[in-house]
Structures are given as structure tokens and as C-alpha cells.
PDB file of N, CA and C in Angstrom:
ATOM      1  N   UNK A   1       5.152  -3.415   7.832  1.00  0.00           N
ATOM      2  CA  UNK A   1       6.493  -3.138   8.301  1.00  0.00           C
ATOM      3  C   UNK A   1       7.397  -4.350   8.127  1.00  0.00           C
ATOM      4  N   UNK A   2       6.794  -5.524   7.887  1.00  0.00           N
ATOM      5  CA  UNK A   2       7.575  -6.737   7.657  1.00  0.00           C
ATOM      6  C   UNK A   2       8.042  -6.798   6.210  1.00  0.00           C
ATOM      7  N   UNK A   3       9.059  -7.612   5.964  1.00  0.00           N
ATOM      8  CA  UNK A   3       9.549  -7.824   4.605  1.00  0.00           C
ATOM      9  C   UNK A   3       8.694  -8.893   3.945  1.00  0.00           C
ATOM     10  N   UNK A   4       8.025  -8.525   2.846  1.00  0.00           N
ATOM     11  CA  UNK A   4       7.155  -9.442   2.115  1.00  0.00           C
ATOM     12  C   UNK A   4       7.736  -9.809   0.766  1.00  0.00           C
ATOM     13  N   UNK A   5       8.258  -8.832   0.055  1.00  0.00           N
ATOM     14  CA  UNK A   5       8.727  -9.020  -1.312  1.00  0.00           C
ATOM     15  C   UNK A   5       9.985  -8.185  -1.519  1.00  0.00           C
ATOM     16  N   UNK A   6      11.001  -8.772  -2.129  1.00  0.00           N
ATOM     17  CA  UNK A   6      12.162  -7.995  -2.550  1.00  0.00           C
ATOM     18  C   UNK A   6      13.142  -7.586  -1.470  1.00  0.00           C
ATOM     19  N   UNK A   7      13.062  -8.154  -0.289  1.00  0.00           N
ATOM     20  CA  UNK A   7      14.049  -7.903   0.746  1.00  0.00           C
ATOM     21  C   UNK A   7      13.919  -6.576   1.481  1.00  0.00           C
ATOM     22  N   UNK A   8      12.827  -5.844   1.242  1.00  0.00           N
ATOM     23  CA  UNK A   8      12.613  -4.580   1.942  1.00  0.00           C
ATOM     24  C   UNK A   8      11.122  -4.463   2.272  1.00  0.00           C
ATOM     25  N   UNK A   9      10.811  -3.838   3.391  1.00  0.00           N
ATOM     26  CA  UNK A   9       9.408  -3.721   3.791  1.00  0.00           C
ATOM     27  C   UNK A   9       8.666  -2.761   2.862  1.00  0.00           C
ATOM     28  N   UNK A  10       7.364  -2.949   2.740  1.00  0.00           N
ATOM     29  CA  UNK A  10       6.547  -2.030   1.954  1.00  0.00           C
ATOM     30  C   UNK A  10       6.617  -0.624   2.566  1.00  0.00           C
ATOM     31  N   UNK A  11       6.718  -0.567   3.882  1.00  0.00           N
ATOM     32  CA  UNK A  11       6.815   0.737   4.557  1.00  0.00           C
ATOM     33  C   UNK A  11       8.036   1.509   4.076  1.00  0.00           C
ATOM     34  N   UNK A  12       9.170   0.817   3.926  1.00  0.00           N
ATOM     35  CA  UNK A  12      10.390   1.480   3.467  1.00  0.00           C
ATOM     36  C   UNK A  12      10.366   1.739   1.962  1.00  0.00           C
ATOM     37  N   UNK A  13       9.886   0.770   1.207  1.00  0.00           N
ATOM     38  CA  UNK A  13       9.871   0.901  -0.250  1.00  0.00           C
ATOM     39  C   UNK A  13       8.881   1.976  -0.718  1.00  0.00           C
ATOM     40  N   UNK A  14       7.768   2.087  -0.016  1.00  0.00           N
ATOM     41  CA  UNK A  14       6.722   3.053  -0.378  1.00  0.00           C
ATOM     42  C   UNK A  14       6.498   4.023   0.774  1.00  0.00           C
ATOM     43  N   UNK A  15       7.570   4.609   1.251  1.00  0.00           N
ATOM     44  CA  UNK A  15       7.503   5.445   2.457  1.00  0.00           C
ATOM     45  C   UNK A  15       6.559   6.640   2.284  1.00  0.00           C
ATOM     46  N   UNK A  16       6.515   7.217   1.100  1.00  0.00           N
ATOM     47  CA  UNK A  16       5.629   8.356   0.871  1.00  0.00           C
ATOM     48  C   UNK A  16       4.173   7.944   1.023  1.00  0.00           C
ATOM     49  N   UNK A  17       3.799   6.800   0.452  1.00  0.00           N
ATOM     50  CA  UNK A  17       2.428   6.312   0.578  1.00  0.00           C
ATOM     51  C   UNK A  17       2.110   5.995   2.033  1.00  0.00           C
ATOM     52  N   UNK A  18       3.069   5.440   2.735  1.00  0.00           N
ATOM     53  CA  UNK A  18       2.873   5.122   4.148  1.00  0.00           C
ATOM     54  C   UNK A  18       2.584   6.394   4.942  1.00  0.00           C
ATOM     55  N   UNK A  19       3.324   7.462   4.657  1.00  0.00           N
ATOM     56  CA  UNK A  19       3.118   8.732   5.351  1.00  0.00           C
ATOM     57  C   UNK A  19       1.747   9.333   5.055  1.00  0.00           C
ATOM     58  N   UNK A  20       1.249   9.128   3.849  1.00  0.00           N
ATOM     59  CA  UNK A  20      -0.019   9.724   3.429  1.00  0.00           C
ATOM     60  C   UNK A  20      -1.234   8.886   3.798  1.00  0.00           C
ATOM     61  N   UNK A  21      -1.010   7.629   4.114  1.00  0.00           N
ATOM     62  CA  UNK A  21      -2.118   6.720   4.394  1.00  0.00           C
ATOM     63  C   UNK A  21      -2.819   7.062   5.707  1.00  0.00           C
ATOM     64  N   UNK A  22      -4.132   6.963   5.690  1.00  0.00           N
ATOM     65  CA  UNK A  22      -4.899   7.096   6.927  1.00  0.00           C
ATOM     66  C   UNK A  22      -4.860   5.807   7.739  1.00  0.00           C
ATOM     67  N   UNK A  23      -4.328   4.741   7.136  1.00  0.00           N
ATOM     68  CA  UNK A  23      -4.291   3.419   7.774  1.00  0.00           C
ATOM     69  C   UNK A  23      -2.859   2.933   7.945  1.00  0.00           C
ATOM     70  N   UNK A  24      -1.937   3.811   8.291  1.00  0.00           N
ATOM     71  CA  UNK A  24      -0.524   3.448   8.297  1.00  0.00           C
ATOM     72  C   UNK A  24      -0.152   2.349   9.292  1.00  0.00           C
ATOM     73  N   UNK A  25      -0.950   2.081  10.281  1.00  0.00           N
ATOM     74  CA  UNK A  25      -0.636   1.021  11.227  1.00  0.00           C
ATOM     75  C   UNK A  25      -1.308  -0.308  10.927  1.00  0.00           C
ATOM     76  N   UNK A  26      -1.973  -0.409   9.785  1.00  0.00           N
ATOM     77  CA  UNK A  26      -2.751  -1.590   9.431  1.00  0.00           C
ATOM     78  C   UNK A  26      -1.857  -2.633   8.771  1.00  0.00           C
ATOM     79  N   UNK A  27      -2.065  -3.901   9.095  1.00  0.00           N
ATOM     80  CA  UNK A  27      -1.272  -4.989   8.522  1.00  0.00           C
ATOM     81  C   UNK A  27      -1.667  -5.244   7.070  1.00  0.00           C
ATOM     82  N   UNK A  28      -0.805  -5.951   6.347  1.00  0.00           N
ATOM     83  CA  UNK A  28      -1.110  -6.326   4.960  1.00  0.00           C
ATOM     84  C   UNK A  28      -2.369  -7.169   4.921  1.00  0.00           C
ATOM     85  N   UNK A  29      -2.537  -8.066   5.874  1.00  0.00           N
ATOM     86  CA  UNK A  29      -3.739  -8.904   5.911  1.00  0.00           C
ATOM     87  C   UNK A  29      -4.997  -8.053   6.085  1.00  0.00           C
ATOM     88  N   UNK A  30      -4.947  -7.096   7.003  1.00  0.00           N
ATOM     89  CA  UNK A  30      -6.098  -6.215   7.206  1.00  0.00           C
ATOM     90  C   UNK A  30      -6.368  -5.362   5.971  1.00  0.00           C
ATOM     91  N   UNK A  31      -5.306  -4.930   5.289  1.00  0.00           N
ATOM     92  CA  UNK A  31      -5.487  -4.196   4.034  1.00  0.00           C
ATOM     93  C   UNK A  31      -6.202  -5.072   3.014  1.00  0.00           C
ATOM     94  N   UNK A  32      -5.821  -6.327   2.980  1.00  0.00           N
ATOM     95  CA  UNK A  32      -6.471  -7.266   2.062  1.00  0.00           C
ATOM     96  C   UNK A  32      -7.965  -7.376   2.376  1.00  0.00           C
ATOM     97  N   UNK A  33      -8.302  -7.463   3.649  1.00  0.00           N
ATOM     98  CA  UNK A  33      -9.708  -7.557   4.048  1.00  0.00           C
ATOM     99  C   UNK A  33     -10.489  -6.297   3.674  1.00  0.00           C
ATOM    100  N   UNK A  34      -9.844  -5.140   3.757  1.00  0.00           N
ATOM    101  CA  UNK A  34     -10.489  -3.882   3.396  1.00  0.00           C
ATOM    102  C   UNK A  34     -10.666  -3.754   1.885  1.00  0.00           C
ATOM    103  N   UNK A  35      -9.832  -4.448   1.150  1.00  0.00           N
ATOM    104  CA  UNK A  35      -9.907  -4.433  -0.306  1.00  0.00           C
ATOM    105  C   UNK A  35      -8.822  -3.583  -0.926  1.00  0.00           C
ATOM    106  N   UNK A  36      -7.888  -4.217  -1.641  1.00  0.00           N
ATOM    107  CA  UNK A  36      -6.821  -3.442  -2.249  1.00  0.00           C
ATOM    108  C   UNK A  36      -6.991  -3.286  -3.753  1.00  0.00           C
ATOM    109  N   UNK A  37      -8.245  -3.526  -4.232  1.00  0.00           N
ATOM    110  CA  UNK A  37      -8.539  -3.111  -5.597  1.00  0.00           C
ATOM    111  C   UNK A  37      -8.520  -1.578  -5.620  1.00  0.00           C
ATOM    112  N   UNK A  38      -8.543  -0.967  -6.760  1.00  0.00           N
ATOM    113  CA  UNK A  38      -8.315   0.480  -6.864  1.00  0.00           C
ATOM    114  C   UNK A  38      -9.266   1.306  -6.006  1.00  0.00           C
ATOM    115  N   UNK A  39     -10.509   0.908  -5.882  1.00  0.00           N
ATOM    116  CA  UNK A  39     -11.473   1.687  -5.099  1.00  0.00           C
ATOM    117  C   UNK A  39     -11.665   1.142  -3.683  1.00  0.00           C
ATOM    118  N   UNK A  40     -10.817   0.200  -3.267  1.00  0.00           N
ATOM    119  CA  UNK A  40     -10.960  -0.406  -1.950  1.00  0.00           C
ATOM    120  C   UNK A  40     -10.672   0.577  -0.819  1.00  0.00           C
ATOM    121  N   UNK A  41     -11.179   0.238   0.362  1.00  0.00           N
ATOM    122  CA  UNK A  41     -11.018   1.101   1.540  1.00  0.00           C
ATOM    123  C   UNK A  41      -9.569   1.190   2.009  1.00  0.00           C
ATOM    124  N   UNK A  42      -8.711   0.283   1.518  1.00  0.00           N
ATOM    125  CA  UNK A  42      -7.293   0.324   1.866  1.00  0.00           C
ATOM    126  C   UNK A  42      -6.656   1.636   1.446  1.00  0.00           C
ATOM    127  N   UNK A  43      -7.113   2.192   0.345  1.00  0.00           N
ATOM    128  CA  UNK A  43      -6.486   3.376  -0.234  1.00  0.00           C
ATOM    129  C   UNK A  43      -7.188   4.648   0.239  1.00  0.00           C
ATOM    130  N   UNK A  44      -6.977   4.971   1.494  1.00  0.00           N
ATOM    131  CA  UNK A  44      -7.535   6.180   2.110  1.00  0.00           C
ATOM    132  C   UNK A  44      -6.377   7.120   2.423  1.00  0.00           C
ATOM    133  N   UNK A  45      -6.415   8.309   1.831  1.00  0.00           N
ATOM    134  CA  UNK A  45      -5.282   9.221   1.910  1.00  0.00           C
ATOM    135  C   UNK A  45      -5.617  10.499   2.661  1.00  0.00           C
ATOM    136  N   UNK A  46      -4.592  11.113   3.223  1.00  0.00           N
ATOM    137  CA  UNK A  46      -4.727  12.384   3.936  1.00  0.00           C
ATOM    138  C   UNK A  46      -5.038  13.538   2.974  1.00  0.00           C
ATOM    139  N   UNK A  47      -4.693  13.357   1.711  1.00  0.00           N
ATOM    140  CA  UNK A  47      -4.944  14.356   0.674  1.00  0.00           C
ATOM    141  C   UNK A  47      -4.956  13.631  -0.672  1.00  0.00           C
ATOM    142  N   UNK A  48      -5.298  14.364  -1.725  1.00  0.00           N
ATOM    143  CA  UNK A  48      -5.263  13.796  -3.080  1.00  0.00           C
ATOM    144  C   UNK A  48      -3.812  13.510  -3.460  1.00  0.00           C
ATOM    145  N   UNK A  49      -3.595  12.420  -4.151  1.00  0.00           N
ATOM    146  CA  UNK A  49      -2.248  12.020  -4.538  1.00  0.00           C
ATOM    147  C   UNK A  49      -1.791  12.739  -5.801  1.00  0.00           C
ATOM    148  N   UNK A  50      -0.495  13.002  -5.860  1.00  0.00           N
ATOM    149  CA  UNK A  50       0.122  13.514  -7.079  1.00  0.00           C
ATOM    150  C   UNK A  50       0.260  12.352  -8.059  1.00  0.00           C
ATOM    151  N   UNK A  51       0.506  12.644  -9.324  1.00  0.00           N
ATOM    152  CA  UNK A  51       0.612  11.603 -10.357  1.00  0.00           C
ATOM    153  C   UNK A  51       1.693  10.582 -10.011  1.00  0.00           C
ATOM    154  N   UNK A  52       2.852  11.031  -9.534  1.00  0.00           N
ATOM    155  CA  UNK A  52       3.927  10.091  -9.228  1.00  0.00           C
ATOM    156  C   UNK A  52       3.577   9.212  -8.026  1.00  0.00           C
ATOM    157  N   UNK A  53       2.765   9.716  -7.123  1.00  0.00           N
ATOM    158  CA  UNK A  53       2.324   8.910  -5.980  1.00  0.00           C
ATOM    159  C   UNK A  53       1.316   7.867  -6.440  1.00  0.00           C
ATOM    160  N   UNK A  54       0.449   8.230  -7.395  1.00  0.00           N
ATOM    161  CA  UNK A  54      -0.494   7.265  -7.958  1.00  0.00           C
ATOM    162  C   UNK A  54       0.245   6.140  -8.661  1.00  0.00           C
ATOM    163  N   UNK A  55       1.351   6.464  -9.316  1.00  0.00           N
ATOM    164  CA  UNK A  55       2.174   5.425  -9.948  1.00  0.00           C
ATOM    165  C   UNK A  55       2.725   4.468  -8.901  1.00  0.00           C
ATOM    166  N   UNK A  56       3.093   4.983  -7.749  1.00  0.00           N
ATOM    167  CA  UNK A  56       3.569   4.114  -6.668  1.00  0.00           C
ATOM    168  C   UNK A  56       2.453   3.201  -6.168  1.00  0.00           C
ATOM    169  N   UNK A  57       1.231   3.716  -6.126  1.00  0.00           N
ATOM    170  CA  UNK A  57       0.093   2.878  -5.725  1.00  0.00           C
ATOM    171  C   UNK A  57      -0.065   1.720  -6.704  1.00  0.00           C
ATOM    172  N   UNK A  58       0.034   1.994  -8.005  1.00  0.00           N
ATOM    173  CA  UNK A  58      -0.068   0.928  -9.010  1.00  0.00           C
ATOM    174  C   UNK A  58       1.030  -0.109  -8.811  1.00  0.00           C
ATOM    175  N   UNK A  59       2.251   0.359  -8.558  1.00  0.00           N
ATOM    176  CA  UNK A  59       3.371  -0.558  -8.330  1.00  0.00           C
ATOM    177  C   UNK A  59       3.121  -1.420  -7.089  1.00  0.00           C
ATOM    178  N   UNK A  60       2.652  -0.795  -6.027  1.00  0.00           N
ATOM    179  CA  UNK A  60       2.352  -1.527  -4.800  1.00  0.00           C
ATOM    180  C   UNK A  60       1.237  -2.540  -5.030  1.00  0.00           C
ATOM    181  N   UNK A  61       0.204  -2.137  -5.743  1.00  0.00           N
ATOM    182  CA  UNK A  61      -0.904  -3.057  -6.032  1.00  0.00           C
ATOM    183  C   UNK A  61      -0.428  -4.262  -6.826  1.00  0.00           C
ATOM    184  N   UNK A  62       0.493  -4.059  -7.765  1.00  0.00           N
ATOM    185  CA  UNK A  62       1.048  -5.182  -8.528  1.00  0.00           C
ATOM    186  C   UNK A  62       1.796  -6.148  -7.606  1.00  0.00           C
ATOM    187  N   UNK A  63       2.558  -5.607  -6.679  1.00  0.00           N
ATOM    188  CA  UNK A  63       3.269  -6.460  -5.724  1.00  0.00           C
ATOM    189  C   UNK A  63       2.295  -7.207  -4.816  1.00  0.00           C
ATOM    190  N   UNK A  64       1.255  -6.519  -4.349  1.00  0.00           N
ATOM    191  CA  UNK A  64       0.280  -7.154  -3.464  1.00  0.00           C
ATOM    192  C   UNK A  64      -0.497  -8.237  -4.186  1.00  0.00           C
ATOM    193  N   UNK A  65      -0.698  -8.061  -5.478  1.00  0.00           N
ATOM    194  CA  UNK A  65      -1.418  -9.069  -6.273  1.00  0.00           C
ATOM    195  C   UNK A  65      -0.719 -10.424  -6.208  1.00  0.00           C
ATOM    196  N   UNK A  66       0.604 -10.404  -6.069  1.00  0.00           N
ATOM    197  CA  UNK A  66       1.386 -11.638  -6.034  1.00  0.00           C
ATOM    198  C   UNK A  66       1.591 -12.196  -4.631  1.00  0.00           C
ATOM    199  N   UNK A  67       1.109 -11.500  -3.612  1.00  0.00           N
ATOM    200  CA  UNK A  67       1.273 -11.958  -2.235  1.00  0.00           C
ATOM    201  C   UNK A  67       0.198 -12.989  -1.902  1.00  0.00           C
ATOM    202  N   UNK A  68       0.630 -14.120  -1.378  1.00  0.00           N
ATOM    203  CA  UNK A  68      -0.299 -15.149  -0.929  1.00  0.00           C
ATOM    204  C   UNK A  68      -0.402 -15.072   0.587  1.00  0.00           C
ATOM    205  N   UNK A  69      -1.622 -14.876   1.068  1.00  0.00           N
ATOM    206  CA  UNK A  69      -1.823 -14.764   2.515  1.00  0.00           C
ATOM    207  C   UNK A  69      -2.260 -16.091   3.092  1.00  0.00           C
TER     208      UNK A  69
END
């Protein structure tokens, strides 16, 4: 929910992913501990993602790759 990159929170920038996540209250640090590689536990969804939602996951993963904790 905090602003990490680009002047807007990940929650706002990726609101659809936030709504679909089973871990919507988890911090970025905790997501990192769970693993944000493609098969990591961070990516737990309420349902299967549509193609455009998967593209958002890739975009988010690219942004997270540049985050230093």
C-alpha cells in the first residue's frame, strides 16, 4: 500500500491483481520472503488469471526486481 516505485502504490497501480490475490494484506517484504519468482508462493490467486492479468504480473515482477529491501 506504500509508494515504492513511480509515485503510486502497487495496490493502486495493480488494483486488479490486488483484488485477486489471496495475500492482499501482505507487505512487499513478506512477498519477497515467500518468493516472487514466477512459481513463488507470493502469486496465489482466487482464480486463474486472464492473459491481460498475467501481463500485469510480469510488469509487477519487473518492478519488484528493481526494489532493494
